[in-house]
C-alpha atoms as a PDB file:
ATOM      1  CA  ALA A   1     -44.245  13.284  57.538  1.00  0.00           C
ATOM      2  CA  GLY A   2     -43.141  11.166  60.079  1.00  0.00           C
ATOM      3  CA  ARG A   3     -39.816  11.210  62.355  1.00  0.00           C
ATOM      4  CA  ARG A   4     -37.241  10.569  60.013  1.00  0.00           C
ATOM      5  CA  PRO A   5     -34.887   7.660  61.248  1.00  0.00           C
ATOM      6  CA  SER A   6     -31.395   7.797  62.588  1.00  0.00           C
ATOM      7  CA  TRP A   7     -28.788   5.751  60.957  1.00  0.00           C
ATOM      8  CA  HIS A   8     -28.968   3.121  63.658  1.00  0.00           C
ATOM      9  CA  GLU A   9     -32.829   2.612  63.002  1.00  0.00           C
ATOM     10  CA  LEU A  10     -32.411   1.991  59.309  1.00  0.00           C
ATOM     11  CA  GLY A  11     -32.912  -2.026  59.834  1.00  0.00           C
ATOM     12  CA  GLU A  12     -36.460  -1.607  59.885  1.00  0.00           C
ATOM     13  CA  TYR A  13     -36.856   1.086  57.637  1.00  0.00           C
ATOM     14  CA  GLY A  14     -39.031   0.416  54.482  1.00  0.00           C
ATOM     15  CA  PHE A  15     -39.807   2.292  51.166  1.00  0.00           C
ATOM     16  CA  GLU A  16     -43.618   3.049  52.204  1.00  0.00           C
ATOM     17  CA  ARG A  17     -42.291   4.735  55.337  1.00  0.00           C
ATOM     18  CA  TYR A  18     -39.673   6.463  53.312  1.00  0.00           C
ATOM     19  CA  LYS A  19     -42.376   7.858  50.864  1.00  0.00           C
ATOM     20  CA  ALA A  20     -44.260   9.088  53.781  1.00  0.00           C
ATOM     21  CA  ASP A  21     -41.618  10.697  55.463  1.00  0.00           C
ATOM     22  CA  PHE A  22     -40.318  12.312  52.485  1.00  0.00           C
ATOM     23  CA  GLY A  23     -44.003  13.264  50.898  1.00  0.00           C
ATOM     24  CA  LYS A  24     -43.410  11.316  47.857  1.00  0.00           C
ATOM     25  CA  ARG A  25     -45.968   9.525  45.565  1.00  0.00           C
ATOM     26  CA  TYR A  26     -45.288   7.281  42.684  1.00  0.00           C
ATOM     27  CA  ALA A  27     -47.734   5.096  40.791  1.00  0.00           C
ATOM     28  CA  GLY A  28     -47.191   2.011  38.691  1.00  0.00           C
ATOM     29  CA  ALA A  29     -43.777   1.432  37.037  1.00  0.00           C
ATOM     30  CA  GLU A  30     -42.152   4.419  38.511  1.00  0.00           C
ATOM     31  CA  ASP A  31     -43.118   3.237  42.135  1.00  0.00           C
ATOM     32  CA  GLU A  32     -41.490  -0.082  41.475  1.00  0.00           C
ATOM     33  CA  SER A  33     -38.414   1.444  39.713  1.00  0.00           C
ATOM     34  CA  ARG A  34     -37.967   3.753  42.961  1.00  0.00           C
ATOM     35  CA  ARG A  35     -38.329   1.106  45.437  1.00  0.00           C
ATOM     36  CA  ARG A  36     -35.508  -0.918  43.698  1.00  0.00           C
ATOM     37  CA  ILE A  37     -33.181   2.097  43.672  1.00  0.00           C
ATOM     38  CA  PHE A  38     -34.184   2.935  47.423  1.00  0.00           C
ATOM     39  CA  GLU A  39     -33.675  -0.676  48.517  1.00  0.00           C
ATOM     40  CA  THR A  40     -30.349  -1.110  46.703  1.00  0.00           C
ATOM     41  CA  ARG A  41     -29.218   2.367  48.309  1.00  0.00           C
ATOM     42  CA  LEU A  42     -30.501   1.447  51.827  1.00  0.00           C
ATOM     43  CA  SER A  43     -28.509  -1.895  51.504  1.00  0.00           C
ATOM     44  CA  SER A  44     -25.357  -0.013  50.821  1.00  0.00           C
ATOM     45  CA  ILE A  45     -26.078   2.598  53.795  1.00  0.00           C
ATOM     46  CA  ILE A  46     -26.678  -0.176  56.203  1.00  0.00           C
ATOM     47  CA  ALA A  47     -23.553  -2.094  55.091  1.00  0.00           C
ATOM     48  CA  HIS A  48     -21.618   1.208  55.467  1.00  0.00           C
ATOM     49  CA  ASN A  49     -22.920   1.766  59.010  1.00  0.00           C
ATOM     50  CA  ARG A  50     -22.022  -1.908  59.971  1.00  0.00           C
ATOM     51  CA  ALA A  51     -18.669  -1.263  59.123  1.00  0.00           C
ATOM     52  CA  ALA A  52     -16.351   0.349  61.606  1.00  0.00           C
ATOM     53  CA  GLY A  53     -16.078   3.896  60.103  1.00  0.00           C
ATOM     54  CA  ARG A  54     -15.545   7.157  61.227  1.00  0.00           C
ATOM     55  CA  TRP A  55     -18.810   8.341  59.969  1.00  0.00           C
ATOM     56  CA  LYS A  56     -22.547   7.179  59.321  1.00  0.00           C
ATOM     57  CA  MET A  57     -24.763   7.476  56.292  1.00  0.00           C
ATOM     58  CA  GLY A  58     -28.676   7.977  56.288  1.00  0.00           C
ATOM     59  CA  VAL A  59     -31.454   8.596  54.008  1.00  0.00           C
ATOM     60  CA  ASN A  60     -32.573  11.852  52.328  1.00  0.00           C
ATOM     61  CA  ALA A  61     -34.806  12.877  49.775  1.00  0.00           C
ATOM     62  CA  LEU A  62     -32.313  11.598  46.913  1.00  0.00           C
ATOM     63  CA  THR A  63     -32.075   8.176  48.160  1.00  0.00           C
ATOM     64  CA  ASP A  64     -34.607   7.051  45.403  1.00  0.00           C
ATOM     65  CA  TRP A  65     -33.127   9.034  42.822  1.00  0.00           C
ATOM     66  CA  SER A  66     -31.199   7.544  39.705  1.00  0.00           C
ATOM     67  CA  ASP A  67     -27.563   7.820  39.274  1.00  0.00           C
ATOM     68  CA  GLU A  68     -28.458  10.128  36.120  1.00  0.00           C
ATOM     69  CA  GLU A  69     -31.017  12.528  38.329  1.00  0.00           C
ATOM     70  CA  ARG A  70     -27.946  12.910  40.766  1.00  0.00           C
ATOM     71  CA  ARG A  71     -25.613  13.763  38.206  1.00  0.00           C
ATOM     72  CA  ALA A  72     -27.844  16.422  36.564  1.00  0.00           C
ATOM     73  CA  LEU A  73     -28.441  17.852  39.844  1.00  0.00           C
ATOM     74  CA  LEU A  74     -24.608  18.323  40.089  1.00  0.00           C
ATOM     75  CA  GLY A  75     -24.503  19.770  36.503  1.00  0.00           C
ATOM     76  CA  GLY A  76     -22.895  16.732  35.350  1.00  0.00           C
ATOM     77  CA  ARG A  77     -19.787  16.964  37.318  1.00  0.00           C
ATOM     78  CA  PRO A  78     -18.195  13.845  38.778  1.00  0.00           C
ATOM     79  CA  VAL A  79     -18.675  13.294  42.352  1.00  0.00           C
ATOM     80  CA  SER A  80     -15.523  13.504  44.516  1.00  0.00           C
ATOM     81  CA  ARG A  81     -15.060   9.971  46.314  1.00  0.00           C
ATOM     82  CA  GLY A  82     -12.907  11.246  48.955  1.00  0.00           C
ATOM     83  CA  ILE A  83      -8.839  11.233  49.387  1.00  0.00           C
ATOM     84  CA  GLU A  84      -8.637   7.411  48.691  1.00  0.00           C
ATOM     85  CA  SER A  85      -9.548   8.050  44.961  1.00  0.00           C
ATOM     86  CA  ALA A  86      -7.380  11.184  44.576  1.00  0.00           C
ATOM     87  CA  ARG A  87      -4.633  11.167  42.236  1.00  0.00           C
ATOM     88  CA  PHE A  88      -1.156  12.583  43.037  1.00  0.00           C
ATOM     89  CA  GLU A  89       1.534  13.133  41.203  1.00  0.00           C
ATOM     90  CA  ARG A  90       5.375  13.819  42.205  1.00  0.00           C
ATOM     91  CA  ALA A  91       6.604  17.239  41.322  1.00  0.00           C
ATOM     92  CA  THR A  92       9.057  17.042  38.485  1.00  0.00           C
ATOM     93  CA  SER A  93      10.636  20.392  39.101  1.00  0.00           C
ATOM     94  CA  VAL A  94      10.899  23.023  41.910  1.00  0.00           C
ATOM     95  CA  VAL A  95       9.962  26.825  41.080  1.00  0.00           C
ATOM     96  CA  GLU A  96      11.468  29.486  43.069  1.00  0.00           C
ATOM     97  CA  ARG A  97       8.647  31.774  44.385  1.00  0.00           C
ATOM     98  CA  PRO A  98       9.130  35.230  45.640  1.00  0.00           C
ATOM     99  CA  GLN A  99       8.563  35.942  49.469  1.00  0.00           C
ATOM    100  CA  SER A 100       5.820  38.498  48.577  1.00  0.00           C
ATOM    101  CA  VAL A 101       4.181  39.836  45.414  1.00  0.00           C
ATOM    102  CA  ASP A 102       2.588  43.377  44.985  1.00  0.00           C
ATOM    103  CA  TRP A 103      -0.479  42.444  43.083  1.00  0.00           C
ATOM    104  CA  ARG A 104      -0.998  45.978  42.155  1.00  0.00           C
ATOM    105  CA  ASP A 105       1.938  45.466  39.822  1.00  0.00           C
ATOM    106  CA  SER A 106       1.668  42.149  39.009  1.00  0.00           C
ATOM    107  CA  GLY A 107      -2.152  41.509  39.038  1.00  0.00           C
END
């Protein structure tokens, strides 16, 4: 496997090098399917990195995985998209809490 690219080197990065870097081998229709997934993700990664953000994205061994494969890896749990997508609700009541709790009695 070759040296994996840094985020700023991804403009020249391609699927064949990706496969070599991560030791992947596909044949026929699977190769084409993986290539499409990879190219779509790589385009998104490059677009993200061009934006003036606080963090950069790169490629990894999961870059050519389908959404279904990624969900299975996470046990089907939804992926957090960060605080932007978090929902907050205003508290409707205030509960008085004790200063301390002896968990030997309450636990």
